[in-house]
Protein backbone atom coordinates (compact mmCIF):
# COMPACT_ATOMS: atom_id res chain seq x y z
CA MET A 1 -0.11 -0.01 -0.29
CA LYS A 2 2.75 2.47 0.49
CA LYS A 3 4.20 1.63 -2.61
CA LEU A 4 0.51 2.57 -4.13
CA THR A 5 0.42 5.57 -2.23
CA THR A 6 4.01 6.87 -3.42
CA LEU A 7 2.71 6.29 -7.00
CA LEU A 8 -0.62 8.13 -6.78
CA LEU A 9 1.18 11.19 -5.24
CA GLY A 10 3.48 11.33 -8.25
CA MET A 11 1.13 10.92 -10.51
CA LEU A 12 -1.11 14.02 -9.36
CA LEU A 13 1.81 16.24 -10.92
CA VAL A 14 0.53 14.71 -14.45
CA LEU A 15 -1.65 17.00 -16.46
CA ALA A 16 -0.45 15.03 -19.67
CA GLY A 17 2.06 11.90 -19.60
CA CYS A 18 17.84 5.74 -16.92
CA GLY A 19 19.63 8.29 -15.11
CA SER A 20 17.93 11.50 -13.97
CA PRO A 21 17.62 14.46 -16.12
CA THR A 22 18.40 17.91 -15.01
CA GLU A 23 15.68 19.40 -13.48
CA LYS A 24 15.22 22.98 -12.48
CA THR A 25 12.03 24.68 -10.86
CA PRO A 26 10.02 27.57 -12.49
CA GLU A 27 11.94 29.95 -10.26
CA THR A 28 15.13 29.23 -11.03
CA ASN A 29 17.11 31.10 -14.17
CA ALA A 30 16.81 29.09 -17.27
CA PRO A 31 19.94 28.22 -18.99
CA ASP A 32 21.61 30.70 -21.60
CA ASP A 33 21.28 30.23 -25.38
CA HIS A 34 22.57 26.47 -26.12
CA ALA A 35 22.00 26.45 -30.02
CA ASP A 36 25.49 24.48 -30.59
CA SER A 37 25.68 22.89 -27.50
CA GLY A 38 23.24 19.88 -28.34
CA THR A 39 21.22 20.59 -25.34
CA ILE A 40 17.34 21.28 -25.53
CA THR A 41 15.32 22.84 -22.89
CA ILE A 42 11.80 21.54 -22.02
CA TYR A 43 9.16 23.53 -20.24
CA THR A 44 6.42 20.71 -18.42
CA PRO A 45 4.14 19.67 -15.59
CA THR A 46 5.00 16.07 -16.48
CA ALA A 47 5.20 14.09 -13.39
CA GLN A 48 9.31 13.36 -12.66
CA ASP A 49 8.42 9.52 -12.53
CA ASN A 50 7.47 9.59 -16.25
CA LEU A 51 10.51 12.29 -16.93
CA ASP A 52 13.05 9.73 -15.48
CA VAL A 53 11.67 7.39 -18.25
CA MET A 54 11.57 9.29 -21.45
CA ILE A 55 14.36 11.76 -20.91
CA PRO A 56 16.93 9.48 -20.63
CA ALA A 57 15.51 7.35 -23.42
CA PHE A 58 15.75 10.22 -25.89
CA GLU A 59 19.27 11.44 -25.11
CA GLU A 60 20.49 7.82 -25.30
CA ALA A 61 18.56 7.69 -28.90
CA THR A 62 19.73 10.84 -30.49
CA GLY A 63 22.78 12.12 -28.15
CA ILE A 64 21.01 15.36 -27.35
CA LYS A 65 20.92 16.50 -23.66
CA VAL A 66 18.09 17.82 -21.90
CA GLU A 67 17.43 20.22 -19.19
CA VAL A 68 13.73 20.08 -17.72
CA ILE A 69 12.14 23.00 -15.78
CA ARG A 70 8.69 21.83 -14.25
CA GLY A 71 5.89 23.51 -13.13
CA SER A 72 2.13 23.55 -13.13
CA SER A 73 0.64 24.17 -16.50
CA GLY A 74 -0.32 27.64 -15.52
CA GLU A 75 3.50 28.27 -14.61
CA VAL A 76 4.96 27.09 -17.61
CA TYR A 77 2.45 28.97 -20.02
CA SER A 78 3.08 32.15 -17.95
CA ARG A 79 6.78 32.00 -18.29
CA ILE A 80 6.14 31.17 -22.00
CA GLN A 81 4.42 34.29 -22.26
CA ALA A 82 7.06 36.30 -20.38
CA GLU A 83 10.22 35.12 -22.38
CA ALA A 84 8.39 35.79 -25.61
CA GLU A 85 10.68 38.50 -26.67
CA ASN A 86 13.91 36.36 -25.21
CA PRO A 87 12.79 32.74 -25.29
CA LYS A 88 14.96 30.52 -23.00
CA ALA A 89 13.25 27.02 -23.65
CA ASP A 90 12.78 25.13 -27.03
CA VAL A 91 9.64 22.62 -26.34
CA ALA A 92 6.66 22.81 -24.23
CA TRP A 93 5.28 19.54 -23.15
CA ILE A 94 1.96 20.73 -21.81
CA PRO A 95 -1.81 19.94 -22.48
CA THR A 96 -3.08 20.64 -26.22
CA SER A 97 -5.84 23.01 -24.72
CA THR A 98 -2.99 25.12 -23.13
CA VAL A 99 -0.91 25.55 -26.59
CA LEU A 100 -4.39 26.35 -28.21
CA LEU A 101 -5.04 29.37 -25.94
CA ASP A 102 -2.95 31.26 -28.06
CA THR A 103 -0.45 29.98 -30.67
CA SER A 104 1.56 33.15 -31.35
CA TYR A 105 4.20 31.62 -28.81
CA PHE A 106 4.77 28.72 -30.48
CA GLU A 107 5.96 27.67 -34.01
CA ALA A 108 4.46 25.69 -36.30
CA TYR A 109 5.81 22.04 -36.69
CA THR A 110 4.31 19.15 -37.92
CA SER A 111 5.93 15.66 -37.05
CA ALA A 112 7.54 13.17 -39.44
CA TYR A 113 5.05 10.66 -37.99
CA ASP A 114 1.70 12.62 -38.33
CA ASP A 115 0.31 10.69 -41.17
CA GLN A 116 0.62 7.36 -39.04
CA TYR A 117 -1.98 8.72 -36.53
CA ASP A 118 -5.42 8.25 -36.68
CA GLU A 119 -7.28 11.28 -38.20
CA THR A 120 -8.63 12.59 -34.72
CA PHE A 121 -5.26 13.14 -33.14
CA ARG A 122 -3.32 14.72 -36.16
CA ASN A 123 -1.70 18.02 -35.86
CA THR A 124 -4.69 20.04 -37.60
CA SER A 125 -3.59 23.20 -35.75
CA GLY A 126 -0.23 23.12 -37.01
CA PHE A 127 1.28 23.57 -33.60
CA THR A 128 0.30 20.67 -31.50
CA THR A 129 2.27 17.13 -31.95
CA GLN A 130 -0.27 14.92 -29.29
CA ILE A 131 1.70 12.49 -27.93
CA GLY A 132 -0.70 11.21 -24.85
CA TYR A 133 -3.94 10.79 -23.55
CA ASN A 134 -5.77 10.44 -20.24
CA ALA A 135 -9.38 9.45 -20.33
CA PRO A 136 -12.50 9.88 -17.88
CA VAL A 137 -13.02 6.09 -16.41
CA ILE A 138 -15.53 4.21 -13.98
CA ILE A 139 -13.94 2.57 -10.94
CA TYR A 140 -16.15 -0.05 -8.90
CA ASN A 141 -15.19 -2.17 -6.18
CA THR A 142 -16.20 -5.86 -7.19
CA ASN A 143 -16.89 -6.67 -3.41
CA LEU A 144 -19.67 -3.87 -3.26
CA VAL A 145 -21.16 -4.45 -6.88
CA ASP A 146 -22.55 -7.55 -7.60
CA PHE A 147 -23.36 -6.89 -11.04
CA GLU A 148 -20.94 -5.75 -14.21
CA ILE A 149 -20.78 -2.10 -14.75
CA ASN A 150 -19.78 -1.15 -18.64
CA GLY A 151 -20.87 2.17 -19.03
CA TYR A 152 -22.79 5.18 -17.66
CA ALA A 153 -26.26 3.73 -18.35
CA ASP A 154 -25.50 1.32 -15.77
CA LEU A 155 -24.82 4.00 -12.98
CA LEU A 156 -28.75 4.66 -12.89
CA ASN A 157 -29.25 1.40 -11.06
CA PRO A 158 -31.14 2.13 -7.79
CA GLU A 159 -28.61 -0.20 -6.09
CA LEU A 160 -26.05 2.56 -6.49
CA LYS A 161 -28.14 5.05 -4.98
CA GLY A 162 -25.82 7.21 -2.75
CA LYS A 163 -22.97 4.79 -3.30
CA ILE A 164 -21.57 6.93 -6.20
CA ALA A 165 -18.42 9.43 -5.74
CA MET A 166 -18.45 12.16 -8.21
CA GLY A 167 -17.28 15.64 -7.78
CA ASN A 168 -18.61 19.03 -8.41
CA ALA A 169 -18.10 19.53 -12.07
CA ALA A 170 -17.85 23.37 -11.86
CA SER A 171 -14.85 22.89 -9.54
CA SER A 172 -13.60 19.79 -10.53
CA SER A 173 -11.69 19.05 -13.67
CA SER A 174 -12.11 15.20 -13.59
CA ALA A 175 -15.95 15.43 -12.71
CA TYR A 176 -16.18 18.13 -15.71
CA ASN A 177 -14.57 15.87 -18.07
CA HIS A 178 -17.13 13.15 -16.81
CA LEU A 179 -19.93 15.55 -17.26
CA GLU A 180 -18.90 16.66 -21.25
CA ASN A 181 -18.47 12.84 -21.73
CA MET A 182 -21.91 12.02 -20.16
CA LEU A 183 -23.20 14.79 -22.36
CA LEU A 184 -21.64 13.52 -26.01
CA ALA A 185 -22.20 9.58 -25.24
CA MET A 186 -25.78 9.88 -24.26
CA GLY A 187 -27.10 12.40 -26.06
CA THR A 188 -28.71 12.46 -29.79
CA GLY A 189 -28.10 14.53 -32.76
CA THR A 190 -25.39 14.45 -35.74
CA THR A 191 -23.00 16.95 -34.06
CA ASN A 192 -21.71 17.62 -30.92
CA ASP A 193 -23.63 20.88 -30.69
CA GLU A 194 -26.82 18.88 -31.05
CA LYS A 195 -25.83 16.16 -28.61
CA ALA A 196 -24.82 18.38 -25.72
CA ALA A 197 -27.80 20.31 -26.16
CA SER A 198 -30.17 17.68 -26.18
CA LYS A 199 -32.97 16.75 -24.12
CA GLU A 200 -31.76 12.93 -23.71
CA ALA A 201 -28.01 14.37 -22.59
CA TRP A 202 -29.52 16.58 -20.01
CA ASP A 203 -32.42 13.94 -18.71
CA PHE A 204 -29.47 11.44 -18.21
CA VAL A 205 -27.31 13.95 -16.32
CA ARG A 206 -30.44 15.01 -14.22
CA ALA A 207 -31.18 11.02 -13.44
CA PHE A 208 -27.30 10.31 -12.87
CA TYR A 209 -26.94 13.28 -10.24
CA GLU A 210 -30.32 12.44 -8.51
CA ASN A 211 -28.60 8.48 -8.06
CA LEU A 212 -25.86 10.42 -6.02
CA ASP A 213 -28.39 11.21 -3.09
CA GLY A 214 -26.88 14.38 -2.12
CA LYS A 215 -23.46 13.44 -1.99
CA ILE A 216 -20.57 15.08 -3.68
CA VAL A 217 -17.14 14.49 -2.92
CA ASP A 218 -14.51 17.29 -2.56
CA SER A 219 -11.44 16.04 -4.24
CA SER A 220 -10.29 13.44 -6.81
CA SER A 221 -8.20 11.45 -4.45
CA VAL A 222 -11.32 10.98 -2.28
CA THR A 223 -12.73 9.18 -5.02
CA TYR A 224 -10.42 6.46 -5.94
CA GLU A 225 -9.49 6.29 -2.04
CA GLY A 226 -12.64 5.70 -1.41
CA VAL A 227 -13.88 3.01 -3.71
CA LEU A 228 -10.53 1.54 -2.77
CA SER A 229 -11.61 1.44 1.21
CA GLY A 230 -15.17 0.70 0.55
CA GLU A 231 -16.41 3.91 1.46
CA TYR A 232 -17.92 4.14 -2.15
CA ALA A 233 -18.77 1.42 -4.54
CA VAL A 234 -18.43 3.45 -7.79
CA GLY A 235 -15.92 6.39 -8.35
CA MET A 236 -15.89 8.65 -11.50
CA THR A 237 -12.30 9.57 -11.94
CA TRP A 238 -9.77 9.30 -14.71
CA ASP A 239 -7.27 6.38 -15.90
CA THR A 240 -4.07 7.85 -14.13
CA PRO A 241 -4.99 6.99 -10.79
CA ALA A 242 -6.53 4.04 -11.82
CA GLN A 243 -3.58 2.45 -13.48
CA ALA A 244 -1.61 2.63 -10.16
CA TYR A 245 -4.23 0.09 -8.94
CA MET A 246 -4.00 -1.88 -12.17
CA ALA A 247 -0.37 -1.98 -12.02
CA GLU A 248 -0.48 -3.14 -8.00
CA GLY A 249 -2.89 -5.98 -9.42
CA ILE A 250 -5.87 -5.26 -6.67
CA ASP A 251 -8.21 -7.55 -7.88
CA ASN A 252 -11.29 -6.06 -6.18
CA LEU A 253 -11.07 -3.27 -8.30
CA LYS A 254 -12.29 -2.78 -11.80
CA VAL A 255 -11.73 0.15 -14.15
CA VAL A 256 -14.36 0.49 -17.13
CA TYR A 257 -13.73 2.77 -20.41
CA MET A 258 -17.42 3.32 -20.99
CA ASP A 259 -19.04 1.28 -23.78
CA GLU A 260 -20.96 4.36 -24.96
CA GLY A 261 -17.59 6.51 -25.80
CA VAL A 262 -14.68 8.18 -24.00
CA ILE A 263 -13.38 11.51 -24.81
CA PRO A 264 -9.28 11.65 -24.20
CA GLY A 265 -7.87 14.62 -23.04
CA THR A 266 -4.39 14.88 -24.77
CA SER A 267 -1.00 16.23 -24.17
CA SER A 268 1.59 17.76 -26.86
CA VAL A 269 4.67 18.57 -27.34
CA SER A 270 5.10 21.77 -29.18
CA LEU A 271 7.93 23.95 -30.62
CA ILE A 272 8.24 27.15 -28.55
CA LYS A 273 8.63 30.14 -31.11
CA ASN A 274 12.31 31.41 -31.60
CA GLY A 275 13.67 28.91 -29.01
CA PRO A 276 17.54 28.48 -28.85
CA ASN A 277 17.75 25.10 -30.29
CA PRO A 278 15.02 24.81 -32.82
CA GLU A 279 16.77 21.63 -34.42
CA GLY A 280 17.09 19.82 -31.43
CA ALA A 281 13.45 20.50 -30.43
CA LYS A 282 12.16 19.13 -33.94
CA LYS A 283 14.11 15.94 -32.97
CA PHE A 284 12.61 15.53 -29.61
CA ILE A 285 9.10 16.04 -31.12
CA ASP A 286 9.82 13.47 -34.05
CA TRP A 287 11.19 10.84 -31.45
CA PHE A 288 8.34 11.12 -29.14
CA ALA A 289 5.93 10.75 -31.83
CA SER A 290 7.74 7.77 -33.18
CA PRO A 291 6.72 4.00 -32.72
CA GLU A 292 10.07 3.86 -30.46
CA GLY A 293 9.14 6.93 -28.55
CA GLN A 294 5.19 5.72 -28.36
CA SER A 295 6.23 2.59 -27.16
CA VAL A 296 8.46 3.64 -24.22
CA TYR A 297 5.78 6.10 -23.42
CA GLY A 298 3.20 2.91 -23.21
CA MET A 299 5.64 0.48 -21.77
CA ASP A 300 7.65 2.51 -19.14
CA CYS A 301 5.43 5.47 -18.09
CA LEU A 302 2.81 4.58 -15.35
CA GLY A 303 -0.36 6.78 -15.89
CA ALA A 304 0.31 7.59 -19.34
CA ASN A 305 -1.27 6.50 -22.66
CA PRO A 306 0.23 6.57 -26.34
CA ILE A 307 -1.78 7.96 -29.03
CA LEU A 308 0.06 6.21 -31.97
CA PRO A 309 -1.95 3.40 -32.98
CA GLY A 310 0.40 0.08 -32.65
CA ALA A 311 2.54 1.36 -30.12
CA LYS A 312 3.48 -1.32 -27.42
CA VAL A 313 1.40 -0.67 -24.14
CA ALA A 314 1.88 -2.46 -20.50
CA ASP A 315 -0.56 -5.39 -20.15
CA TYR A 316 -2.81 -3.29 -17.69
CA LYS A 317 -3.38 -0.73 -20.27
CA LEU A 318 -5.60 -0.36 -23.25
CA GLY A 319 -4.34 0.53 -26.57
CA ILE A 320 -6.28 3.61 -28.19
CA LYS A 321 -7.35 1.42 -30.69
CA ASP A 322 -9.09 -0.38 -28.01
CA LEU A 323 -11.35 2.45 -26.95
CA ASN A 324 -14.60 3.50 -28.28
CA VAL A 325 -13.25 7.23 -28.62
CA ILE A 326 -15.88 10.19 -29.23
CA PRO A 327 -14.24 12.70 -31.46
CA ARG A 328 -14.14 16.17 -29.78
CA THR A 329 -11.70 19.02 -30.76
CA THR A 330 -9.80 20.88 -27.96
CA GLU A 331 -11.70 24.34 -29.71
CA TRP A 332 -15.04 22.62 -29.18
CA GLN A 333 -14.37 22.18 -25.81
CA ALA A 334 -13.34 25.87 -25.14
CA GLU A 335 -16.34 27.26 -27.15
CA ASN A 336 -18.87 24.94 -24.96
CA LYS A 337 -17.35 24.87 -21.84
CA GLU A 338 -18.93 28.07 -20.37
CA LYS A 339 -22.50 27.31 -22.00
CA ILE A 340 -22.56 23.64 -20.29
CA LEU A 341 -21.59 24.87 -17.09
CA ASP A 342 -24.31 27.37 -16.99
CA LEU A 343 -26.79 24.64 -17.76
CA TYR A 344 -25.24 22.26 -15.35
CA GLU A 345 -25.46 24.94 -12.48
CA ASP A 346 -28.97 25.66 -12.85
CA MET A 347 -29.33 21.62 -12.61
CA TYR A 348 -27.12 21.37 -9.52
CA LEU A 349 -28.80 24.04 -7.72
CA GLU A 350 -32.40 22.37 -8.17
CA ILE A 351 -31.03 18.76 -7.10
CA PHE A 352 -28.67 19.81 -4.10
CA GLU A 353 -30.06 23.19 -2.75
């Protein structure tokens, strides 16, 4: 259990996806221009455990050295903005949505492997090479649930009333991801706009929240720890912490990628505009997108899922080809989040207040 706790604490830093790479905190000075040194600098919120796998593998494959500066996604993005006139880093390894907030800080670059990716995950913006995903999942304790759960529809079972751990979608990113996923999975229509606004979608969401019986959890850790301990029978979470349990081989916990479909949230590697070593940065992006880099990511990084079809993955993970993926662009999410939350908060107040 001590090992599991350590793994989970490490993965809480992931917003994305052997010696140790050089690491600096956001408060330290970035390295000087190193265009001729065979060194690149990466800004990222990625967990140190995963950096300790990916960076040495890249260095060994290419001979290029890497310096890493870690911080939250917000800290990393603010630093890129602040350094726009004199960039100190070469690569941003951050959520796709963060890059697309304003692509003027990045240089257009498409990896040599882009055409090997499924169309949903190709670099259509020109700025984001998507290299990993995490997805909303349902977890449940088989000691407390005597029937099989395969997707959202099963969560309306009266036997689960008051036994489901779910956060407030207005304040929890994992809960919002499930809300959005529910709307597009259970809604009707030919477009995501139609599905997210459909009566069927919101009727399901209302029925689901009513089955919570007034219980809302206040943190993601309460969700998965509560299911493991037996406080809750079912939890609505994401697959990064779930993979820690899967890797540990805990046999009374089941992880479900919903039959109705899942919306992966992706992380990307992007070329920072006017960075000191653009050629080295392009080699990093190409390597990470390659079958070699994607397989290292899939086999050796806990809580990280590669996007390239055919990449090797650890036996406790699902490959991207095994998921029923609901196509949804990051741009669509940004454009519709406020509208969805407005409708959600009206419903939430009616049910819980």
